[in-house]
Amino acid sequence: MTAKEVLDSVATMPAADWMKIQLGIAEMLAARFSADEVAEVREALAEAEAELDRGEGLRGDEMRRHFDLR
Protein backbone atom coordinates (compact mmCIF):
# COMPACT_ATOMS: atom_id res chain seq x y z
CA MET A 1 0.00 0.00 0.00
CA THR A 2 1.37 3.40 -0.92
CA ALA A 3 1.40 6.41 1.39
CA LYS A 4 -1.24 8.06 -0.80
CA GLU A 5 -3.49 5.00 -0.49
CA VAL A 6 -3.10 5.08 3.28
CA LEU A 7 -3.95 8.80 3.41
CA ASP A 8 -6.95 8.30 1.12
CA SER A 9 -8.15 5.46 3.34
CA VAL A 10 -7.77 7.56 6.48
CA ALA A 11 -9.59 10.48 4.85
CA THR A 12 -12.68 8.32 4.28
CA MET A 13 -12.51 6.62 7.67
CA PRO A 14 -15.14 7.41 10.32
CA ALA A 15 -13.72 9.75 12.96
CA ALA A 16 -14.27 7.19 15.73
CA ASP A 17 -12.11 4.64 13.90
CA TRP A 18 -9.35 7.18 13.34
CA MET A 19 -9.43 8.08 17.04
CA LYS A 20 -8.98 4.38 17.94
CA ILE A 21 -5.95 4.17 15.65
CA GLN A 22 -4.45 7.32 17.17
CA LEU A 23 -5.01 5.92 20.67
CA GLY A 24 -3.29 2.66 19.70
CA ILE A 25 -0.30 4.53 18.31
CA ALA A 26 -0.12 6.71 21.42
CA GLU A 27 -0.21 3.62 23.67
CA MET A 28 2.61 2.01 21.69
CA LEU A 29 4.74 5.14 22.05
CA ALA A 30 3.86 5.60 25.72
CA ALA A 31 4.93 2.02 26.47
CA ARG A 32 8.51 3.11 25.73
CA PHE A 33 8.44 5.87 28.37
CA SER A 34 9.38 5.50 32.01
CA ALA A 35 6.75 6.14 34.68
CA ASP A 36 8.40 9.51 35.38
CA GLU A 37 8.25 10.49 31.71
CA VAL A 38 4.58 9.50 31.48
CA ALA A 39 3.82 11.58 34.58
CA GLU A 40 5.69 14.54 33.08
CA VAL A 41 3.71 14.32 29.83
CA ARG A 42 0.42 14.02 31.70
CA GLU A 43 1.30 17.05 33.82
CA ALA A 44 2.17 19.08 30.71
CA LEU A 45 -1.10 18.08 29.04
CA ALA A 46 -3.10 18.98 32.14
CA GLU A 47 -1.36 22.36 32.27
CA ALA A 48 -2.15 22.98 28.59
CA GLU A 49 -5.81 22.03 29.14
CA ALA A 50 -6.01 24.42 32.10
CA GLU A 51 -4.53 27.23 30.00
CA LEU A 52 -7.09 26.60 27.28
CA ASP A 53 -9.89 26.57 29.86
CA ARG A 54 -8.67 29.97 31.08
CA GLY A 55 -8.64 31.28 27.51
CA GLU A 56 -4.87 31.48 27.41
CA GLY A 57 -4.38 29.17 24.44
CA LEU A 58 -2.91 30.24 21.13
CA ARG A 59 -4.73 29.93 17.83
CA GLY A 60 -3.10 27.81 15.14
CA ASP A 61 -1.82 30.80 13.19
CA GLU A 62 -0.37 32.33 16.37
CA MET A 63 1.33 29.04 17.25
CA ARG A 64 2.87 28.74 13.79
CA ARG A 65 4.12 32.33 14.02
CA HIS A 66 5.51 31.69 17.51
CA PHE A 67 7.52 28.70 16.26
CA ASP A 68 8.33 30.40 12.93
CA LEU A 69 6.41 27.75 10.95
CA ARG A 70 4.89 29.18 7.81
C-alpha atoms as a PDB file:
ATOM      1  CA  MET A   1       0.000   0.000   0.000  1.00  0.00           C
ATOM      2  CA  THR A   2       1.371   3.402  -0.925  1.00  0.00           C
ATOM      3  CA  ALA A   3       1.399   6.405   1.390  1.00  0.00           C
ATOM      4  CA  LYS A   4      -1.245   8.057  -0.799  1.00  0.00           C
ATOM      5  CA  GLU A   5      -3.491   5.001  -0.494  1.00  0.00           C
ATOM      6  CA  VAL A   6      -3.101   5.083   3.281  1.00  0.00           C
ATOM      7  CA  LEU A   7      -3.946   8.804   3.408  1.00  0.00           C
ATOM      8  CA  ASP A   8      -6.949   8.303   1.124  1.00  0.00           C
ATOM      9  CA  SER A   9      -8.149   5.457   3.339  1.00  0.00           C
ATOM     10  CA  VAL A  10      -7.768   7.558   6.482  1.00  0.00           C
ATOM     11  CA  ALA A  11      -9.590  10.480   4.846  1.00  0.00           C
ATOM     12  CA  THR A  12     -12.680   8.322   4.278  1.00  0.00           C
ATOM     13  CA  MET A  13     -12.511   6.616   7.670  1.00  0.00           C
ATOM     14  CA  PRO A  14     -15.140   7.409  10.318  1.00  0.00           C
ATOM     15  CA  ALA A  15     -13.718   9.750  12.959  1.00  0.00           C
ATOM     16  CA  ALA A  16     -14.274   7.187  15.729  1.00  0.00           C
ATOM     17  CA  ASP A  17     -12.107   4.640  13.904  1.00  0.00           C
ATOM     18  CA  TRP A  18      -9.345   7.178  13.341  1.00  0.00           C
ATOM     19  CA  MET A  19      -9.425   8.076  17.039  1.00  0.00           C
ATOM     20  CA  LYS A  20      -8.980   4.382  17.944  1.00  0.00           C
ATOM     21  CA  ILE A  21      -5.954   4.170  15.648  1.00  0.00           C
ATOM     22  CA  GLN A  22      -4.447   7.316  17.175  1.00  0.00           C
ATOM     23  CA  LEU A  23      -5.007   5.918  20.671  1.00  0.00           C
ATOM     24  CA  GLY A  24      -3.294   2.664  19.703  1.00  0.00           C
ATOM     25  CA  ILE A  25      -0.298   4.528  18.311  1.00  0.00           C
ATOM     26  CA  ALA A  26      -0.123   6.709  21.419  1.00  0.00           C
ATOM     27  CA  GLU A  27      -0.214   3.624  23.665  1.00  0.00           C
ATOM     28  CA  MET A  28       2.614   2.006  21.685  1.00  0.00           C
ATOM     29  CA  LEU A  29       4.737   5.143  22.053  1.00  0.00           C
ATOM     30  CA  ALA A  30       3.863   5.601  25.723  1.00  0.00           C
ATOM     31  CA  ALA A  31       4.928   2.019  26.470  1.00  0.00           C
ATOM     32  CA  ARG A  32       8.510   3.109  25.733  1.00  0.00           C
ATOM     33  CA  PHE A  33       8.437   5.867  28.371  1.00  0.00           C
ATOM     34  CA  SER A  34       9.381   5.495  32.008  1.00  0.00           C
ATOM     35  CA  ALA A  35       6.755   6.138  34.678  1.00  0.00           C
ATOM     36  CA  ASP A  36       8.397   9.512  35.385  1.00  0.00           C
ATOM     37  CA  GLU A  37       8.248  10.488  31.706  1.00  0.00           C
ATOM     38  CA  VAL A  38       4.581   9.497  31.477  1.00  0.00           C
ATOM     39  CA  ALA A  39       3.824  11.577  34.578  1.00  0.00           C
ATOM     40  CA  GLU A  40       5.686  14.544  33.078  1.00  0.00           C
ATOM     41  CA  VAL A  41       3.714  14.317  29.827  1.00  0.00           C
ATOM     42  CA  ARG A  42       0.415  14.021  31.705  1.00  0.00           C
ATOM     43  CA  GLU A  43       1.302  17.047  33.818  1.00  0.00           C
ATOM     44  CA  ALA A  44       2.166  19.085  30.711  1.00  0.00           C
ATOM     45  CA  LEU A  45      -1.099  18.085  29.036  1.00  0.00           C
ATOM     46  CA  ALA A  46      -3.095  18.981  32.143  1.00  0.00           C
ATOM     47  CA  GLU A  47      -1.365  22.362  32.266  1.00  0.00           C
ATOM     48  CA  ALA A  48      -2.154  22.977  28.588  1.00  0.00           C
ATOM     49  CA  GLU A  49      -5.809  22.027  29.144  1.00  0.00           C
ATOM     50  CA  ALA A  50      -6.005  24.422  32.095  1.00  0.00           C
ATOM     51  CA  GLU A  51      -4.525  27.225  30.001  1.00  0.00           C
ATOM     52  CA  LEU A  52      -7.094  26.600  27.280  1.00  0.00           C
ATOM     53  CA  ASP A  53      -9.887  26.569  29.857  1.00  0.00           C
ATOM     54  CA  ARG A  54      -8.674  29.974  31.076  1.00  0.00           C
ATOM     55  CA  GLY A  55      -8.643  31.283  27.507  1.00  0.00           C
ATOM     56  CA  GLU A  56      -4.866  31.481  27.414  1.00  0.00           C
ATOM     57  CA  GLY A  57      -4.383  29.171  24.439  1.00  0.00           C
ATOM     58  CA  LEU A  58      -2.912  30.236  21.134  1.00  0.00           C
ATOM     59  CA  ARG A  59      -4.735  29.934  17.829  1.00  0.00           C
ATOM     60  CA  GLY A  60      -3.098  27.810  15.137  1.00  0.00           C
ATOM     61  CA  ASP A  61      -1.815  30.797  13.191  1.00  0.00           C
ATOM     62  CA  GLU A  62      -0.365  32.326  16.372  1.00  0.00           C
ATOM     63  CA  MET A  63       1.333  29.036  17.253  1.00  0.00           C
ATOM     64  CA  ARG A  64       2.871  28.738  13.788  1.00  0.00           C
ATOM     65  CA  ARG A  65       4.116  32.332  14.019  1.00  0.00           C
ATOM     66  CA  HIS A  66       5.513  31.685  17.514  1.00  0.00           C
ATOM     67  CA  PHE A  67       7.520  28.705  16.256  1.00  0.00           C
ATOM     68  CA  ASP A  68       8.326  30.401  12.933  1.00  0.00           C
ATOM     69  CA  LEU A  69       6.409  27.751  10.955  1.00  0.00           C
ATOM     70  CA  ARG A  70       4.891  29.178   7.806  1.00  0.00           C
END
